PDB file of N, CA and C in Angstrom:
ATOM      1  N   MET A   1     -27.766  19.385  -0.479  1.00  0.00           N
ATOM      2  CA  MET A   1     -28.029  18.141  -0.559  1.00  0.00           C
ATOM      3  C   MET A   1     -29.088  17.427   0.714  1.00  0.00           C
ATOM      4  N   PRO A   2     -29.137  16.649   0.021  1.00  0.00           N
ATOM      5  CA  PRO A   2     -30.678  15.751   0.611  1.00  0.00           C
ATOM      6  C   PRO A   2     -30.218  15.693   2.296  1.00  0.00           C
ATOM      7  N   ARG A   3     -30.726  15.544   3.418  1.00  0.00           N
ATOM      8  CA  ARG A   3     -30.435  14.656   4.699  1.00  0.00           C
ATOM      9  C   ARG A   3     -30.393  13.855   4.431  1.00  0.00           C
ATOM     10  N   PRO A   4     -29.446  13.361   5.791  1.00  0.00           N
ATOM     11  CA  PRO A   4     -30.005  11.940   5.818  1.00  0.00           C
ATOM     12  C   PRO A   4     -30.597  10.726   5.487  1.00  0.00           C
ATOM     13  N   THR A   5     -31.065   9.415   5.342  1.00  0.00           N
ATOM     14  CA  THR A   5     -32.122   9.253   6.313  1.00  0.00           C
ATOM     15  C   THR A   5     -31.816   8.761   7.749  1.00  0.00           C
ATOM     16  N   ALA A   6     -33.161   8.084   8.711  1.00  0.00           N
ATOM     17  CA  ALA A   6     -32.828   7.528   9.789  1.00  0.00           C
ATOM     18  C   ALA A   6     -31.564   5.501   9.082  1.00  0.00           C
ATOM     19  N   ALA A   7     -32.624   5.708   8.192  1.00  0.00           N
ATOM     20  CA  ALA A   7     -31.264   3.940   8.059  1.00  0.00           C
ATOM     21  C   ALA A   7     -29.850   4.783   7.151  1.00  0.00           C
ATOM     22  N   GLN A   8     -29.517   5.781   7.045  1.00  0.00           N
ATOM     23  CA  GLN A   8     -28.200   5.376   6.931  1.00  0.00           C
ATOM     24  C   GLN A   8     -27.779   5.922   7.938  1.00  0.00           C
ATOM     25  N   LEU A   9     -28.641   6.853   8.848  1.00  0.00           N
ATOM     26  CA  LEU A   9     -27.352   7.389   9.940  1.00  0.00           C
ATOM     27  C   LEU A   9     -27.059   6.232  10.219  1.00  0.00           C
ATOM     28  N   ALA A  10     -28.768   5.165  11.595  1.00  0.00           N
ATOM     29  CA  ALA A  10     -28.208   4.217  11.271  1.00  0.00           C
ATOM     30  C   ALA A  10     -26.783   3.435  11.172  1.00  0.00           C
ATOM     31  N   TYR A  11     -27.189   2.775   9.993  1.00  0.00           N
ATOM     32  CA  TYR A  11     -25.954   2.385   9.374  1.00  0.00           C
ATOM     33  C   TYR A  11     -24.301   2.341   8.949  1.00  0.00           C
ATOM     34  N   GLY A  12     -24.377   3.654   8.977  1.00  0.00           N
ATOM     35  CA  GLY A  12     -22.899   4.508   9.565  1.00  0.00           C
ATOM     36  C   GLY A  12     -22.446   4.453  10.862  1.00  0.00           C
ATOM     37  N   SER A  13     -23.391   4.513  11.439  1.00  0.00           N
ATOM     38  CA  SER A  13     -22.511   4.430  13.152  1.00  0.00           C
ATOM     39  C   SER A  13     -22.650   2.891  13.526  1.00  0.00           C
ATOM     40  N   CYS A  14     -22.847   2.427  13.247  1.00  0.00           N
ATOM     41  CA  CYS A  14     -23.005   1.086  13.612  1.00  0.00           C
ATOM     42  C   CYS A  14     -22.014   0.544  12.813  1.00  0.00           C
ATOM     43  N   THR A  15     -21.727   0.816  11.636  1.00  0.00           N
ATOM     44  CA  THR A  15     -20.633   0.113  11.090  1.00  0.00           C
ATOM     45  C   THR A  15     -19.465   0.996  11.550  1.00  0.00           C
ATOM     46  N   VAL A  16     -19.599   2.221  11.870  1.00  0.00           N
ATOM     47  CA  VAL A  16     -17.961   2.565  12.539  1.00  0.00           C
ATOM     48  C   VAL A  16     -17.434   2.420  13.828  1.00  0.00           C
ATOM     49  N   ILE A  17     -18.636   2.120  14.165  1.00  0.00           N
ATOM     50  CA  ILE A  17     -18.554   1.525  15.742  1.00  0.00           C
ATOM     51  C   ILE A  17     -17.699  -0.273  15.787  1.00  0.00           C
ATOM     52  N   LEU A  18     -18.973  -0.761  15.185  1.00  0.00           N
ATOM     53  CA  LEU A  18     -18.390  -1.795  14.564  1.00  0.00           C
ATOM     54  C   LEU A  18     -17.338  -2.112  14.258  1.00  0.00           C
ATOM     55  N   SER A  19     -16.959  -1.845  12.612  1.00  0.00           N
ATOM     56  CA  SER A  19     -15.690  -1.609  12.680  1.00  0.00           C
ATOM     57  C   SER A  19     -14.754  -1.187  13.547  1.00  0.00           C
ATOM     58  N   THR A  20     -14.662  -0.235  13.242  1.00  0.00           N
ATOM     59  CA  THR A  20     -13.216   0.185  14.417  1.00  0.00           C
ATOM     60  C   THR A  20     -12.797  -0.316  16.008  1.00  0.00           C
ATOM     61  N   LEU A  21     -13.823  -0.556  16.274  1.00  0.00           N
ATOM     62  CA  LEU A  21     -13.405  -2.252  17.591  1.00  0.00           C
ATOM     63  C   LEU A  21     -13.294  -3.074  17.264  1.00  0.00           C
ATOM     64  N   ALA A  22     -13.596  -3.956  16.126  1.00  0.00           N
ATOM     65  CA  ALA A  22     -12.767  -4.908  15.679  1.00  0.00           C
ATOM     66  C   ALA A  22     -11.438  -4.692  15.191  1.00  0.00           C
ATOM     67  N   MET A  23     -11.014  -4.077  14.463  1.00  0.00           N
ATOM     68  CA  MET A  23     -10.130  -3.313  13.863  1.00  0.00           C
ATOM     69  C   MET A  23      -8.869  -3.070  15.184  1.00  0.00           C
ATOM     70  N   LEU A  24      -9.082  -2.224  15.711  1.00  0.00           N
ATOM     71  CA  LEU A  24      -9.178  -1.792  17.387  1.00  0.00           C
ATOM     72  C   LEU A  24      -8.695  -3.455  18.719  1.00  0.00           C
ATOM     73  N   LEU A  25      -9.047  -4.560  18.087  1.00  0.00           N
ATOM     74  CA  LEU A  25      -9.191  -5.749  18.849  1.00  0.00           C
ATOM     75  C   LEU A  25      -8.179  -6.681  17.629  1.00  0.00           C
ATOM     76  N   LEU A  26      -8.538  -6.855  16.817  1.00  0.00           N
ATOM     77  CA  LEU A  26      -7.794  -7.678  16.329  1.00  0.00           C
ATOM     78  C   LEU A  26      -5.637  -6.551  15.687  1.00  0.00           C
ATOM     79  N   SER A  27      -5.959  -5.404  15.750  1.00  0.00           N
ATOM     80  CA  SER A  27      -4.638  -4.606  15.184  1.00  0.00           C
ATOM     81  C   SER A  27      -3.696  -5.326  17.049  1.00  0.00           C
ATOM     82  N   GLN A  28      -4.027  -5.185  18.213  1.00  0.00           N
ATOM     83  CA  GLN A  28      -3.650  -4.662  18.795  1.00  0.00           C
ATOM     84  C   GLN A  28      -2.455  -3.853  19.085  1.00  0.00           C
ATOM     85  N   THR A  29      -2.724  -2.803  18.736  1.00  0.00           N
ATOM     86  CA  THR A  29      -2.288  -1.510  18.841  1.00  0.00           C
ATOM     87  C   THR A  29      -2.449  -0.894  20.367  1.00  0.00           C
ATOM     88  N   SER A  30      -1.122   0.020  20.676  1.00  0.00           N
ATOM     89  CA  SER A  30      -1.587   0.997  21.887  1.00  0.00           C
ATOM     90  C   SER A  30      -1.054   1.712  21.760  1.00  0.00           C
ATOM     91  N   SER A  31      -0.044   2.433  20.920  1.00  0.00           N
ATOM     92  CA  SER A  31       0.299   3.419  20.327  1.00  0.00           C
ATOM     93  C   SER A  31      -1.238   4.343  18.833  1.00  0.00           C
ATOM     94  N   GLY A  32      -0.820   5.513  19.899  1.00  0.00           N
ATOM     95  CA  GLY A  32      -1.627   7.292  19.776  1.00  0.00           C
ATOM     96  C   GLY A  32      -2.201   6.721  18.380  1.00  0.00           C
ATOM     97  N   ALA A  33      -0.907   6.379  17.610  1.00  0.00           N
ATOM     98  CA  ALA A  33      -1.008   7.250  15.980  1.00  0.00           C
ATOM     99  C   ALA A  33      -2.039   6.651  15.183  1.00  0.00           C
ATOM    100  N   GLY A  34      -1.700   4.742  15.969  1.00  0.00           N
ATOM    101  CA  GLY A  34      -1.857   3.691  15.631  1.00  0.00           C
ATOM    102  C   GLY A  34      -3.814   3.849  15.406  1.00  0.00           C
ATOM    103  N   ILE A  35      -4.307   3.916  16.424  1.00  0.00           N
ATOM    104  CA  ILE A  35      -5.189   4.201  17.516  1.00  0.00           C
ATOM    105  C   ILE A  35      -5.842   4.772  16.862  1.00  0.00           C
ATOM    106  N   ALA A  36      -5.339   6.571  16.354  1.00  0.00           N
ATOM    107  CA  ALA A  36      -5.964   7.423  15.415  1.00  0.00           C
ATOM    108  C   ALA A  36      -6.043   6.943  14.046  1.00  0.00           C
ATOM    109  N   LEU A  37      -5.568   6.409  13.574  1.00  0.00           N
ATOM    110  CA  LEU A  37      -4.839   5.341  11.927  1.00  0.00           C
ATOM    111  C   LEU A  37      -6.616   4.901  11.814  1.00  0.00           C
ATOM    112  N   ILE A  38      -6.979   3.937  13.279  1.00  0.00           N
ATOM    113  CA  ILE A  38      -7.835   3.170  13.107  1.00  0.00           C
ATOM    114  C   ILE A  38      -9.225   4.307  12.880  1.00  0.00           C
ATOM    115  N   ALA A  39      -9.499   4.723  13.720  1.00  0.00           N
ATOM    116  CA  ALA A  39     -10.379   5.709  13.890  1.00  0.00           C
ATOM    117  C   ALA A  39     -11.347   5.962  12.716  1.00  0.00           C
ATOM    118  N   LEU A  40      -9.707   6.553  11.977  1.00  0.00           N
ATOM    119  CA  LEU A  40     -10.064   7.385  10.638  1.00  0.00           C
ATOM    120  C   LEU A  40     -10.618   6.526   9.663  1.00  0.00           C
ATOM    121  N   ALA A  41     -10.049   5.506   9.839  1.00  0.00           N
ATOM    122  CA  ALA A  41     -10.288   4.501   8.817  1.00  0.00           C
ATOM    123  C   ALA A  41     -11.916   4.212   9.649  1.00  0.00           C
ATOM    124  N   GLY A  42     -12.341   3.693  10.573  1.00  0.00           N
ATOM    125  CA  GLY A  42     -13.842   3.244  10.915  1.00  0.00           C
ATOM    126  C   GLY A  42     -14.870   4.348  10.233  1.00  0.00           C
ATOM    127  N   LEU A  43     -14.363   5.648  10.823  1.00  0.00           N
ATOM    128  CA  LEU A  43     -15.034   6.155   9.926  1.00  0.00           C
ATOM    129  C   LEU A  43     -15.344   6.205   8.733  1.00  0.00           C
ATOM    130  N   ALA A  44     -13.873   6.355   7.743  1.00  0.00           N
ATOM    131  CA  ALA A  44     -14.643   6.860   5.655  1.00  0.00           C
ATOM    132  C   ALA A  44     -15.539   4.673   5.430  1.00  0.00           C
ATOM    133  N   LEU A  45     -14.823   4.172   6.563  1.00  0.00           N
ATOM    134  CA  LEU A  45     -16.278   2.828   6.096  1.00  0.00           C
ATOM    135  C   LEU A  45     -17.488   2.935   6.909  1.00  0.00           C
ATOM    136  N   GLY A  46     -18.120   3.479   7.745  1.00  0.00           N
ATOM    137  CA  GLY A  46     -19.566   4.344   7.947  1.00  0.00           C
ATOM    138  C   GLY A  46     -19.286   5.347   6.809  1.00  0.00           C
ATOM    139  N   LEU A  47     -18.242   5.772   6.589  1.00  0.00           N
ATOM    140  CA  LEU A  47     -19.496   7.164   5.946  1.00  0.00           C
ATOM    141  C   LEU A  47     -19.411   7.017   4.206  1.00  0.00           C
ATOM    142  N   LEU A  48     -18.693   5.532   3.700  1.00  0.00           N
ATOM    143  CA  LEU A  48     -19.052   4.130   2.548  1.00  0.00           C
ATOM    144  C   LEU A  48     -20.093   4.242   2.774  1.00  0.00           C
ATOM    145  N   VAL A  49     -20.255   3.376   3.469  1.00  0.00           N
ATOM    146  CA  VAL A  49     -22.052   2.770   4.613  1.00  0.00           C
ATOM    147  C   VAL A  49     -22.895   3.914   4.039  1.00  0.00           C
ATOM    148  N   ALA A  50     -22.475   4.923   4.708  1.00  0.00           N
ATOM    149  CA  ALA A  50     -24.518   5.201   5.069  1.00  0.00           C
ATOM    150  C   ALA A  50     -24.551   5.795   3.519  1.00  0.00           C
ATOM    151  N   LEU A  51     -23.131   6.762   2.351  1.00  0.00           N
ATOM    152  CA  LEU A  51     -23.449   7.035   1.527  1.00  0.00           C
ATOM    153  C   LEU A  51     -24.143   5.451   0.934  1.00  0.00           C
ATOM    154  N   THR A  52     -24.261   4.072   0.422  1.00  0.00           N
ATOM    155  CA  THR A  52     -24.300   2.868  -0.458  1.00  0.00           C
ATOM    156  C   THR A  52     -25.403   2.834   0.299  1.00  0.00           C
ATOM    157  N   VAL A  53     -26.201   4.006   0.766  1.00  0.00           N
ATOM    158  CA  VAL A  53     -28.087   2.568   1.342  1.00  0.00           C
ATOM    159  C   VAL A  53     -28.804   3.580   0.795  1.00  0.00           C
ATOM    160  N   PRO A  54     -29.328   2.675  -0.043  1.00  0.00           N
ATOM    161  CA  PRO A  54     -30.270   2.788  -1.561  1.00  0.00           C
ATOM    162  C   PRO A  54     -31.110   4.073  -0.512  1.00  0.00           C
ATOM    163  N   LEU A  55     -32.555   5.092  -0.570  1.00  0.00           N
ATOM    164  CA  LEU A  55     -32.433   6.283  -0.143  1.00  0.00           C
ATOM    165  C   LEU A  55     -33.490   5.170  -1.311  1.00  0.00           C
ATOM    166  N   PRO A  56     -35.336   5.565  -0.073  1.00  0.00           N
ATOM    167  CA  PRO A  56     -36.644   5.057  -0.664  1.00  0.00           C
ATOM    168  C   PRO A  56     -37.430   5.842  -1.581  1.00  0.00           C
ATOM    169  N   GLY A  57     -37.914   4.878  -2.323  1.00  0.00           N
ATOM    170  CA  GLY A  57     -38.137   6.124  -2.776  1.00  0.00           C
ATOM    171  C   GLY A  57     -37.662   6.439  -4.594  1.00  0.00           C
ATOM    172  N   LYS A  58     -36.981   5.637  -4.555  1.00  0.00           N
ATOM    173  CA  LYS A  58     -35.609   5.185  -5.838  1.00  0.00           C
ATOM    174  C   LYS A  58     -35.349   4.500  -5.960  1.00  0.00           C
ATOM    175  N   ARG A  59     -35.424   4.586  -7.294  1.00  0.00           N
ATOM    176  CA  ARG A  59     -34.933   3.679  -8.696  1.00  0.00           C
ATOM    177  C   ARG A  59     -33.600   3.037  -9.126  1.00  0.00           C
ATOM    178  N   PRO A  60     -32.587   2.152  -8.832  1.00  0.00           N
ATOM    179  CA  PRO A  60     -31.716   1.872  -8.891  1.00  0.00           C
ATOM    180  C   PRO A  60     -31.479   2.794 -10.802  1.00  0.00           C
ATOM    181  N   SER A  61     -30.616   3.538 -11.270  1.00  0.00           N
ATOM    182  CA  SER A  61     -30.742   4.191 -12.682  1.00  0.00           C
ATOM    183  C   SER A  61     -30.106   2.971 -13.214  1.00  0.00           C
ATOM    184  N   ALA A  62     -28.824   2.577 -12.656  1.00  0.00           N
ATOM    185  CA  ALA A  62     -29.225   0.497 -13.193  1.00  0.00           C
ATOM    186  C   ALA A  62     -29.936  -0.269 -14.521  1.00  0.00           C
ATOM    187  N   VAL A  63     -30.889   0.206 -13.961  1.00  0.00           N
ATOM    188  CA  VAL A  63     -31.894  -0.398 -14.808  1.00  0.00           C
ATOM    189  C   VAL A  63     -32.879   0.872 -14.813  1.00  0.00           C
ATOM    190  N   GLU A  64     -33.509   0.662 -16.728  1.00  0.00           N
ATOM    191  CA  GLU A  64     -33.930   1.628 -17.312  1.00  0.00           C
ATOM    192  C   GLU A  64     -35.280   1.102 -17.629  1.00  0.00           C
ATOM    193  N   GLN A  65     -36.055   1.612 -17.336  1.00  0.00           N
ATOM    194  CA  GLN A  65     -37.063   0.984 -17.695  1.00  0.00           C
ATOM    195  C   GLN A  65     -37.662   1.465 -19.511  1.00  0.00           C
ATOM    196  N   PRO A  66     -38.079   0.303 -20.008  1.00  0.00           N
ATOM    197  CA  PRO A  66     -38.883   1.447 -21.265  1.00  0.00           C
ATOM    198  C   PRO A  66     -40.087   2.360 -21.510  1.00  0.00           C
ATOM    199  N   ALA A  67     -39.337   2.194 -22.604  1.00  0.00           N
ATOM    200  CA  ALA A  67     -40.566   3.966 -23.139  1.00  0.00           C
ATOM    201  C   ALA A  67     -41.812   3.472 -23.159  1.00  0.00           C
ATOM    202  N   PRO A  68     -43.370   4.326 -22.705  1.00  0.00           N
ATOM    203  CA  PRO A  68     -44.740   3.745 -22.579  1.00  0.00           C
ATOM    204  C   PRO A  68     -44.583   3.117 -24.232  1.00  0.00           C
ATOM    205  N   ARG A  69     -45.588   2.415 -24.668  1.00  0.00           N
ATOM    206  CA  ARG A  69     -45.554   2.380 -26.105  1.00  0.00           C
ATOM    207  C   ARG A  69     -47.020   2.883 -26.278  1.00  0.00           C
ATOM    208  N   GLU A  70     -47.607   3.224 -27.146  1.00  0.00           N
ATOM    209  CA  GLU A  70     -48.867   3.936 -27.577  1.00  0.00           C
ATOM    210  C   GLU A  70     -49.801   2.895 -27.720  1.00  0.00           C
ATOM    211  N   PRO A  71     -50.908   3.324 -27.406  1.00  0.00           N
ATOM    212  CA  PRO A  71     -51.806   2.021 -27.641  1.00  0.00           C
ATOM    213  C   PRO A  71     -51.902   1.309 -29.039  1.00  0.00           C
ATOM    214  N   VAL A  72     -52.017   0.005 -29.423  1.00  0.00           N
ATOM    215  CA  VAL A  72     -52.260  -0.088 -30.980  1.00  0.00           C
ATOM    216  C   VAL A  72     -53.472  -0.935 -30.879  1.00  0.00           C
ATOM    217  N   ARG A  73     -53.322  -0.378 -32.341  1.00  0.00           N
ATOM    218  CA  ARG A  73     -55.632  -0.142 -32.251  1.00  0.00           C
ATOM    219  C   ARG A  73     -55.974  -1.101 -33.773  1.00  0.00           C
ATOM    220  N   ALA A  74     -56.321  -1.708 -33.157  1.00  0.00           N
ATOM    221  CA  ALA A  74     -56.711  -3.194 -33.738  1.00  0.00           C
ATOM    222  C   ALA A  74     -57.728  -2.794 -35.598  1.00  0.00           C
ATOM    223  N   SER A  75     -56.734  -3.260 -36.430  1.00  0.00           N
ATOM    224  CA  SER A  75     -58.306  -3.126 -37.625  1.00  0.00           C
ATOM    225  C   SER A  75     -58.417  -3.746 -37.838  1.00  0.00           C
ATOM    226  N   ILE A  76     -59.591  -4.464 -37.935  1.00  0.00           N
ATOM    227  CA  ILE A  76     -60.473  -5.486 -38.368  1.00  0.00           C
ATOM    228  C   ILE A  76     -61.538  -5.371 -40.044  1.00  0.00           C
ATOM    229  N   PRO A  77     -60.206  -6.306 -41.129  1.00  0.00           N
ATOM    230  CA  PRO A  77     -60.463  -5.688 -42.085  1.00  0.00           C
ATOM    231  C   PRO A  77     -62.222  -6.075 -41.709  1.00  0.00           C
ATOM    232  N   ALA A  78     -63.333  -5.678 -43.674  1.00  0.00           N
ATOM    233  CA  ALA A  78     -64.114  -5.950 -43.147  1.00  0.00           C
ATOM    234  C   ALA A  78     -64.683  -7.379 -44.092  1.00  0.00           C
ATOM    235  N   PRO A  79     -65.606  -8.011 -43.403  1.00  0.00           N
ATOM    236  CA  PRO A  79     -65.938  -9.599 -44.488  1.00  0.00           C
ATOM    237  C   PRO A  79     -66.146  -9.222 -46.273  1.00  0.00           C
ATOM    238  N   ALA A  80     -65.649 -10.208 -46.392  1.00  0.00           N
ATOM    239  CA  ALA A  80     -65.763 -10.531 -47.842  1.00  0.00           C
ATOM    240  C   ALA A  80     -66.461 -11.162 -48.186  1.00  0.00           C
ATOM    241  N   PRO A  81     -68.110 -10.235 -49.451  1.00  0.00           N
ATOM    242  CA  PRO A  81     -69.260 -10.261 -49.658  1.00  0.00           C
ATOM    243  C   PRO A  81     -69.084 -12.056 -49.498  1.00  0.00           C
ATOM    244  N   GLU A  82     -70.415 -12.372 -49.738  1.00  0.00           N
ATOM    245  CA  GLU A  82     -70.570 -13.479 -49.884  1.00  0.00           C
ATOM    246  C   GLU A  82     -70.957 -13.632 -51.469  1.00  0.00           C
ATOM    247  N   PRO A  83     -70.854 -14.553 -52.196  1.00  0.00           N
ATOM    248  CA  PRO A  83     -70.834 -14.911 -53.487  1.00  0.00           C
ATOM    249  C   PRO A  83     -73.093 -15.220 -53.470  1.00  0.00           C
ATOM    250  N   MET A  84     -73.014 -14.796 -54.261  1.00  0.00           N
ATOM    251  CA  MET A  84     -75.016 -14.810 -54.521  1.00  0.00           C
ATOM    252  C   MET A  84     -75.482 -15.805 -54.992  1.00  0.00           C
ATOM    253  N   ARG A  85     -76.209 -16.307 -54.428  1.00  0.00           N
ATOM    254  CA  ARG A  85     -76.267 -18.341 -55.252  1.00  0.00           C
ATOM    255  C   ARG A  85     -77.995 -17.549 -56.307  1.00  0.00           C
ATOM    256  N   GLU A  86     -78.378 -18.387 -57.033  1.00  0.00           N
ATOM    257  CA  GLU A  86     -78.884 -18.778 -57.950  1.00  0.00           C
ATOM    258  C   GLU A  86     -79.639 -19.421 -57.506  1.00  0.00           C
ATOM    259  N   ARG A  87     -81.463 -18.795 -57.498  1.00  0.00           N
ATOM    260  CA  ARG A  87     -82.305 -19.617 -56.991  1.00  0.00           C
ATOM    261  C   ARG A  87     -82.816 -20.837 -58.429  1.00  0.00           C
ATOM    262  N   ALA A  88     -82.567 -22.662 -57.816  1.00  0.00           N
ATOM    263  CA  ALA A  88     -83.307 -23.308 -58.938  1.00  0.00           C
ATOM    264  C   ALA A  88     -84.547 -23.269 -59.529  1.00  0.00           C
ATOM    265  N   ALA A  89     -84.625 -23.154 -59.885  1.00  0.00           N
ATOM    266  CA  ALA A  89     -85.314 -22.911 -60.535  1.00  0.00           C
ATOM    267  C   ALA A  89     -86.652 -24.598 -60.846  1.00  0.00           C
ATOM    268  N   SER A  90     -88.505 -24.117 -60.210  1.00  0.00           N
ATOM    269  CA  SER A  90     -89.477 -24.769 -60.429  1.00  0.00           C
ATOM    270  C   SER A  90     -90.080 -25.149 -61.011  1.00  0.00           C
TER     271      SER A  90
END
């Protein structure tokens, strides 16, 4: 498994802290079980965000690039011979 990038660590950590704080303030819970449940939900959300941050240098796999084409060789037909003109008798 590759190591997480700095962006993944930053986004995941910020998500854990901010979402846990927001859920604690909104729920106004004071029980230990409620706080533990909110902390676990914050960790799960932070992990989800960290794993969905795109890795540098990789393109999304949903967009497939077309296969490279072979160069087209232009074939120019030889010019048609001009009709022979007869000289006028003088």
